[in-house]
Amino acid sequence: MIEVLVALAIIAIALGASLRAVGSLASNSSRLHERMLAGWSADNALTTISLQHQWPEIGTSVVECPQGDLALVCAITVRSTPNPLFRQIEVVVRRANNDEVLASITTVIPNETRRSL
């Protein structure tokens, strides 16, 4: 009888550990999905700036950039570079109700307005 109780205790511990592992995987999958959507939003913001073919002004702007059912906010920061023909653009994506950074992309764009056709 004692052997059966010991076996049941071992099985219960093993099942508890496996349930915790499954819960952790589900949580990580959700976070990975959020970060993937945030990366898409950052990439979309950079693509929009690039397709406008305008020289962006130096400074920071905050725009909504929802992706799927996730409410996101993109903070777009434009900085000068040592070469006056380029500007550095950084896009930081956060949830609309949270300050945690989900994605951040930085790139350099050329001055398209000074290019001859």
N, C-alpha and C. Protein backbone atom coordinates (compact mmCIF):
# COMPACT_ATOMS: atom_id res chain seq x y z
N MET A 1 0.82 -1.19 0.00
CA MET A 1 0.00 0.00 0.00
C MET A 1 0.87 1.27 0.00
N ILE A 2 1.94 1.23 0.79
CA ILE A 2 2.84 2.37 0.85
C ILE A 2 3.51 2.60 -0.51
N GLU A 3 3.83 1.50 -1.18
CA GLU A 3 4.46 1.61 -2.49
C GLU A 3 3.53 2.30 -3.49
N VAL A 4 2.25 2.02 -3.42
CA VAL A 4 1.28 2.65 -4.31
C VAL A 4 1.19 4.15 -4.01
N LEU A 5 1.20 4.53 -2.74
CA LEU A 5 1.16 5.93 -2.36
C LEU A 5 2.41 6.68 -2.84
N VAL A 6 3.56 6.04 -2.73
CA VAL A 6 4.80 6.65 -3.20
C VAL A 6 4.75 6.83 -4.72
N ALA A 7 4.25 5.82 -5.43
CA ALA A 7 4.14 5.90 -6.88
C ALA A 7 3.18 7.02 -7.28
N LEU A 8 2.06 7.16 -6.59
CA LEU A 8 1.11 8.23 -6.87
C LEU A 8 1.72 9.60 -6.60
N ALA A 9 2.52 9.71 -5.55
CA ALA A 9 3.18 10.97 -5.24
C ALA A 9 4.17 11.35 -6.34
N ILE A 10 4.91 10.38 -6.83
CA ILE A 10 5.88 10.64 -7.90
C ILE A 10 5.15 11.06 -9.17
N ILE A 11 4.05 10.40 -9.50
CA ILE A 11 3.27 10.75 -10.68
C ILE A 11 2.68 12.15 -10.54
N ALA A 12 2.19 12.49 -9.36
CA ALA A 12 1.62 13.81 -9.13
C ALA A 12 2.67 14.90 -9.30
N ILE A 13 3.87 14.66 -8.81
CA ILE A 13 4.96 15.64 -8.96
C ILE A 13 5.33 15.80 -10.44
N ALA A 14 5.40 14.68 -11.15
CA ALA A 14 5.74 14.73 -12.58
C ALA A 14 4.65 15.48 -13.37
N LEU A 15 3.39 15.22 -13.08
CA LEU A 15 2.31 15.90 -13.77
C LEU A 15 2.29 17.39 -13.45
N GLY A 16 2.57 17.74 -12.22
CA GLY A 16 2.64 19.15 -11.84
C GLY A 16 3.74 19.89 -12.58
N ALA A 17 4.88 19.24 -12.70
CA ALA A 17 5.99 19.85 -13.43
C ALA A 17 5.67 20.00 -14.91
N SER A 18 5.02 19.02 -15.49
CA SER A 18 4.68 19.11 -16.91
C SER A 18 3.62 20.19 -17.16
N LEU A 19 2.67 20.35 -16.25
CA LEU A 19 1.68 21.41 -16.39
C LEU A 19 2.33 22.79 -16.33
N ARG A 20 3.30 22.94 -15.44
CA ARG A 20 4.01 24.21 -15.35
C ARG A 20 4.78 24.49 -16.64
N ALA A 21 5.40 23.47 -17.21
CA ALA A 21 6.15 23.64 -18.45
C ALA A 21 5.22 24.03 -19.60
N VAL A 22 4.07 23.41 -19.68
CA VAL A 22 3.11 23.73 -20.74
C VAL A 22 2.61 25.16 -20.57
N GLY A 23 2.33 25.57 -19.34
CA GLY A 23 1.90 26.95 -19.09
C GLY A 23 2.96 27.96 -19.48
N SER A 24 4.20 27.64 -19.20
CA SER A 24 5.31 28.53 -19.57
C SER A 24 5.44 28.64 -21.09
N LEU A 25 5.29 27.53 -21.80
CA LEU A 25 5.35 27.55 -23.26
C LEU A 25 4.23 28.39 -23.85
N ALA A 26 3.04 28.28 -23.30
CA ALA A 26 1.92 29.06 -23.80
C ALA A 26 2.15 30.55 -23.58
N SER A 27 2.69 30.92 -22.43
CA SER A 27 2.98 32.31 -22.13
C SER A 27 4.07 32.85 -23.06
N ASN A 28 5.11 32.07 -23.28
CA ASN A 28 6.19 32.49 -24.17
C ASN A 28 5.71 32.63 -25.61
N SER A 29 4.81 31.78 -26.02
CA SER A 29 4.26 31.85 -27.38
C SER A 29 3.48 33.15 -27.57
N SER A 30 2.72 33.54 -26.58
CA SER A 30 1.96 34.79 -26.64
C SER A 30 2.89 35.99 -26.72
N ARG A 31 3.94 36.02 -25.92
CA ARG A 31 4.90 37.13 -25.93
C ARG A 31 5.64 37.19 -27.28
N LEU A 32 5.99 36.04 -27.81
CA LEU A 32 6.67 36.01 -29.10
C LEU A 32 5.76 36.56 -30.19
N HIS A 33 4.47 36.24 -30.15
CA HIS A 33 3.51 36.75 -31.11
C HIS A 33 3.40 38.28 -31.02
N GLU A 34 3.35 38.81 -29.80
CA GLU A 34 3.29 40.26 -29.60
C GLU A 34 4.53 40.93 -30.17
N ARG A 35 5.70 40.37 -29.92
CA ARG A 35 6.94 40.95 -30.41
C ARG A 35 7.03 40.89 -31.94
N MET A 36 6.51 39.82 -32.53
CA MET A 36 6.50 39.71 -33.98
C MET A 36 5.61 40.80 -34.58
N LEU A 37 4.42 41.00 -34.02
CA LEU A 37 3.52 42.05 -34.51
C LEU A 37 4.14 43.44 -34.32
N ALA A 38 4.83 43.66 -33.21
CA ALA A 38 5.50 44.94 -32.96
C ALA A 38 6.62 45.16 -33.98
N GLY A 39 7.34 44.13 -34.31
CA GLY A 39 8.39 44.24 -35.33
C GLY A 39 7.81 44.61 -36.69
N TRP A 40 6.67 44.04 -37.02
CA TRP A 40 6.00 44.38 -38.27
C TRP A 40 5.58 45.85 -38.27
N SER A 41 5.07 46.33 -37.13
CA SER A 41 4.65 47.73 -37.03
C SER A 41 5.85 48.67 -37.20
N ALA A 42 6.97 48.33 -36.59
CA ALA A 42 8.18 49.16 -36.73
C ALA A 42 8.65 49.16 -38.18
N ASP A 43 8.64 48.01 -38.80
CA ASP A 43 9.05 47.92 -40.20
C ASP A 43 8.10 48.71 -41.10
N ASN A 44 6.80 48.65 -40.81
CA ASN A 44 5.83 49.43 -41.59
C ASN A 44 6.07 50.93 -41.45
N ALA A 45 6.40 51.38 -40.24
CA ALA A 45 6.66 52.81 -40.02
C ALA A 45 7.89 53.25 -40.82
N LEU A 46 8.95 52.46 -40.81
CA LEU A 46 10.15 52.80 -41.58
C LEU A 46 9.88 52.79 -43.08
N THR A 47 9.10 51.83 -43.54
CA THR A 47 8.77 51.74 -44.96
C THR A 47 7.94 52.94 -45.39
N THR A 48 7.02 53.37 -44.55
CA THR A 48 6.20 54.54 -44.86
C THR A 48 7.07 55.78 -45.02
N ILE A 49 8.01 55.97 -44.11
CA ILE A 49 8.92 57.11 -44.20
C ILE A 49 9.76 57.03 -45.47
N SER A 50 10.24 55.85 -45.79
CA SER A 50 11.07 55.67 -46.98
C SER A 50 10.29 55.93 -48.26
N LEU A 51 9.04 55.49 -48.30
CA LEU A 51 8.23 55.66 -49.51
C LEU A 51 7.73 57.08 -49.71
N GLN A 52 7.76 57.90 -48.68
CA GLN A 52 7.33 59.29 -48.83
C GLN A 52 8.34 60.12 -49.60
N HIS A 53 9.59 59.67 -49.67
CA HIS A 53 10.67 60.38 -50.37
C HIS A 53 10.78 61.83 -49.93
N GLN A 54 10.57 62.07 -48.64
CA GLN A 54 10.72 63.40 -48.07
C GLN A 54 11.82 63.35 -47.02
N TRP A 55 12.49 64.47 -46.85
CA TRP A 55 13.55 64.59 -45.86
C TRP A 55 12.90 64.79 -44.50
N PRO A 56 12.99 63.80 -43.59
CA PRO A 56 12.29 63.93 -42.30
C PRO A 56 12.94 64.98 -41.40
N GLU A 57 12.11 65.68 -40.67
CA GLU A 57 12.58 66.68 -39.72
C GLU A 57 13.16 66.01 -38.48
N ILE A 58 14.17 66.61 -37.88
CA ILE A 58 14.78 66.06 -36.67
C ILE A 58 13.80 66.25 -35.51
N GLY A 59 13.66 65.20 -34.70
CA GLY A 59 12.76 65.25 -33.56
C GLY A 59 12.09 63.90 -33.34
N THR A 60 11.15 63.89 -32.40
CA THR A 60 10.44 62.66 -32.04
C THR A 60 8.95 62.87 -32.25
N SER A 61 8.33 61.87 -32.84
CA SER A 61 6.87 61.88 -32.99
C SER A 61 6.34 60.53 -32.53
N VAL A 62 5.13 60.55 -32.00
CA VAL A 62 4.49 59.32 -31.52
C VAL A 62 3.21 59.13 -32.32
N VAL A 63 3.07 57.96 -32.94
CA VAL A 63 1.89 57.64 -33.74
C VAL A 63 1.36 56.28 -33.34
N GLU A 64 0.06 56.11 -33.52
CA GLU A 64 -0.52 54.79 -33.29
C GLU A 64 -0.16 53.90 -34.47
N CYS A 65 0.19 52.66 -34.17
CA CYS A 65 0.54 51.71 -35.23
C CYS A 65 0.00 50.32 -34.87
N PRO A 66 -1.33 50.19 -34.82
CA PRO A 66 -1.91 48.91 -34.43
C PRO A 66 -1.57 47.82 -35.44
N GLN A 67 -1.50 46.63 -34.96
CA GLN A 67 -1.21 45.46 -35.79
C GLN A 67 -2.10 44.33 -35.32
N GLY A 68 -2.96 43.83 -36.19
CA GLY A 68 -3.90 42.79 -35.77
C GLY A 68 -4.85 43.37 -34.73
N ASP A 69 -5.04 42.65 -33.66
CA ASP A 69 -5.90 43.14 -32.57
C ASP A 69 -5.10 43.76 -31.44
N LEU A 70 -3.83 44.05 -31.70
CA LEU A 70 -2.94 44.59 -30.68
C LEU A 70 -2.79 46.10 -30.86
N ALA A 71 -3.14 46.87 -29.82
CA ALA A 71 -3.00 48.32 -29.87
C ALA A 71 -1.55 48.69 -29.54
N LEU A 72 -0.85 49.24 -30.53
CA LEU A 72 0.56 49.58 -30.38
C LEU A 72 0.78 51.06 -30.65
N VAL A 73 1.87 51.59 -30.09
CA VAL A 73 2.28 52.98 -30.30
C VAL A 73 3.73 52.98 -30.76
N CYS A 74 4.00 53.71 -31.85
CA CYS A 74 5.35 53.81 -32.39
C CYS A 74 5.92 55.20 -32.07
N ALA A 75 7.07 55.23 -31.43
CA ALA A 75 7.80 56.47 -31.19
C ALA A 75 8.91 56.54 -32.24
N ILE A 76 8.80 57.53 -33.13
CA ILE A 76 9.75 57.66 -34.24
C ILE A 76 10.68 58.84 -33.93
N THR A 77 11.97 58.53 -33.79
CA THR A 77 12.96 59.55 -33.48
C THR A 77 13.90 59.72 -34.66
N VAL A 78 14.01 60.96 -35.14
CA VAL A 78 14.89 61.28 -36.26
C VAL A 78 16.06 62.09 -35.71
N ARG A 79 17.29 61.63 -36.01
CA ARG A 79 18.50 62.31 -35.55
C ARG A 79 19.39 62.63 -36.75
N SER A 80 20.22 63.64 -36.59
CA SER A 80 21.20 63.95 -37.63
C SER A 80 22.36 62.97 -37.53
N THR A 81 23.13 62.89 -38.59
CA THR A 81 24.32 62.03 -38.62
C THR A 81 25.52 62.91 -38.96
N PRO A 82 26.73 62.40 -38.80
CA PRO A 82 27.90 63.20 -39.18
C PRO A 82 27.89 63.59 -40.66
N ASN A 83 27.29 62.75 -41.50
CA ASN A 83 27.15 63.07 -42.92
C ASN A 83 25.82 63.79 -43.11
N PRO A 84 25.82 65.04 -43.56
CA PRO A 84 24.58 65.80 -43.67
C PRO A 84 23.60 65.27 -44.70
N LEU A 85 24.01 64.32 -45.53
CA LEU A 85 23.12 63.74 -46.53
C LEU A 85 22.31 62.56 -46.00
N PHE A 86 22.51 62.21 -44.73
CA PHE A 86 21.80 61.07 -44.15
C PHE A 86 21.16 61.47 -42.83
N ARG A 87 20.10 60.77 -42.47
CA ARG A 87 19.46 60.92 -41.16
C ARG A 87 19.25 59.54 -40.56
N GLN A 88 19.41 59.46 -39.24
CA GLN A 88 19.18 58.21 -38.51
C GLN A 88 17.73 58.22 -38.02
N ILE A 89 17.04 57.13 -38.25
CA ILE A 89 15.66 57.01 -37.80
C ILE A 89 15.56 55.78 -36.90
N GLU A 90 14.99 56.00 -35.71
CA GLU A 90 14.77 54.89 -34.76
C GLU A 90 13.28 54.80 -34.48
N VAL A 91 12.74 53.60 -34.59
CA VAL A 91 11.33 53.35 -34.28
C VAL A 91 11.29 52.41 -33.08
N VAL A 92 10.62 52.86 -32.01
CA VAL A 92 10.45 52.06 -30.80
C VAL A 92 8.96 51.79 -30.65
N VAL A 93 8.60 50.51 -30.54
CA VAL A 93 7.19 50.12 -30.47
C VAL A 93 6.88 49.61 -29.06
N ARG A 94 5.78 50.15 -28.52
CA ARG A 94 5.28 49.75 -27.20
C ARG A 94 3.80 49.46 -27.32
N ARG A 95 3.26 48.74 -26.33
CA ARG A 95 1.79 48.60 -26.24
C ARG A 95 1.23 49.96 -25.86
N ALA A 96 0.00 50.21 -26.25
CA ALA A 96 -0.62 51.51 -25.99
C ALA A 96 -0.77 51.78 -24.50
N ASN A 97 -0.89 50.75 -23.70
CA ASN A 97 -1.12 50.94 -22.26
C ASN A 97 0.05 50.48 -21.40
N ASN A 98 1.25 50.38 -22.00
CA ASN A 98 2.39 49.84 -21.27
C ASN A 98 3.67 50.51 -21.78
N ASP A 99 4.67 50.66 -20.92
CA ASP A 99 5.93 51.27 -21.33
C ASP A 99 6.99 50.26 -21.75
N GLU A 100 6.68 48.98 -21.72
CA GLU A 100 7.65 47.97 -22.10
C GLU A 100 7.89 48.00 -23.61
N VAL A 101 9.16 48.05 -24.00
CA VAL A 101 9.51 48.07 -25.42
C VAL A 101 9.37 46.66 -25.99
N LEU A 102 8.54 46.54 -27.05
CA LEU A 102 8.35 45.25 -27.70
C LEU A 102 9.27 45.09 -28.90
N ALA A 103 9.58 46.20 -29.58
CA ALA A 103 10.47 46.14 -30.74
C ALA A 103 11.15 47.49 -30.92
N SER A 104 12.34 47.44 -31.49
CA SER A 104 13.09 48.67 -31.78
C SER A 104 13.93 48.43 -33.03
N ILE A 105 13.77 49.33 -34.00
CA ILE A 105 14.53 49.23 -35.25
C ILE A 105 15.16 50.58 -35.54
N THR A 106 16.42 50.57 -35.92
CA THR A 106 17.13 51.80 -36.28
C THR A 106 17.71 51.64 -37.68
N THR A 107 17.59 52.69 -38.47
CA THR A 107 18.15 52.67 -39.82
C THR A 107 18.63 54.07 -40.19
N VAL A 108 19.30 54.16 -41.32
CA VAL A 108 19.78 55.44 -41.85
C VAL A 108 19.18 55.59 -43.24
N ILE A 109 18.63 56.78 -43.52
CA ILE A 109 18.07 57.01 -44.85
C ILE A 109 18.79 58.18 -45.51
N PRO A 110 18.91 58.14 -46.84
CA PRO A 110 19.55 59.25 -47.57
C PRO A 110 18.56 60.37 -47.84
N ASN A 111 19.10 61.52 -48.18
CA ASN A 111 18.26 62.67 -48.54
C ASN A 111 17.81 62.48 -49.98
N GLU A 112 16.59 62.00 -50.17
CA GLU A 112 16.05 61.73 -51.50
C GLU A 112 15.73 63.02 -52.25
N THR A 113 15.52 64.12 -51.53
CA THR A 113 15.12 65.37 -52.19
C THR A 113 16.29 66.01 -52.93
N ARG A 114 17.52 65.66 -52.59
CA ARG A 114 18.69 66.27 -53.23
C ARG A 114 19.23 65.40 -54.37
N ARG A 115 18.60 64.28 -54.62
CA ARG A 115 19.07 63.37 -55.66
C ARG A 115 18.56 63.83 -57.02
N SER A 116 19.42 63.85 -58.01
CA SER A 116 19.00 64.21 -59.37
C SER A 116 18.48 62.96 -60.08
N LEU A 117 17.48 63.15 -60.91
CA LEU A 117 16.87 62.01 -61.60
C LEU A 117 17.54 61.70 -62.88
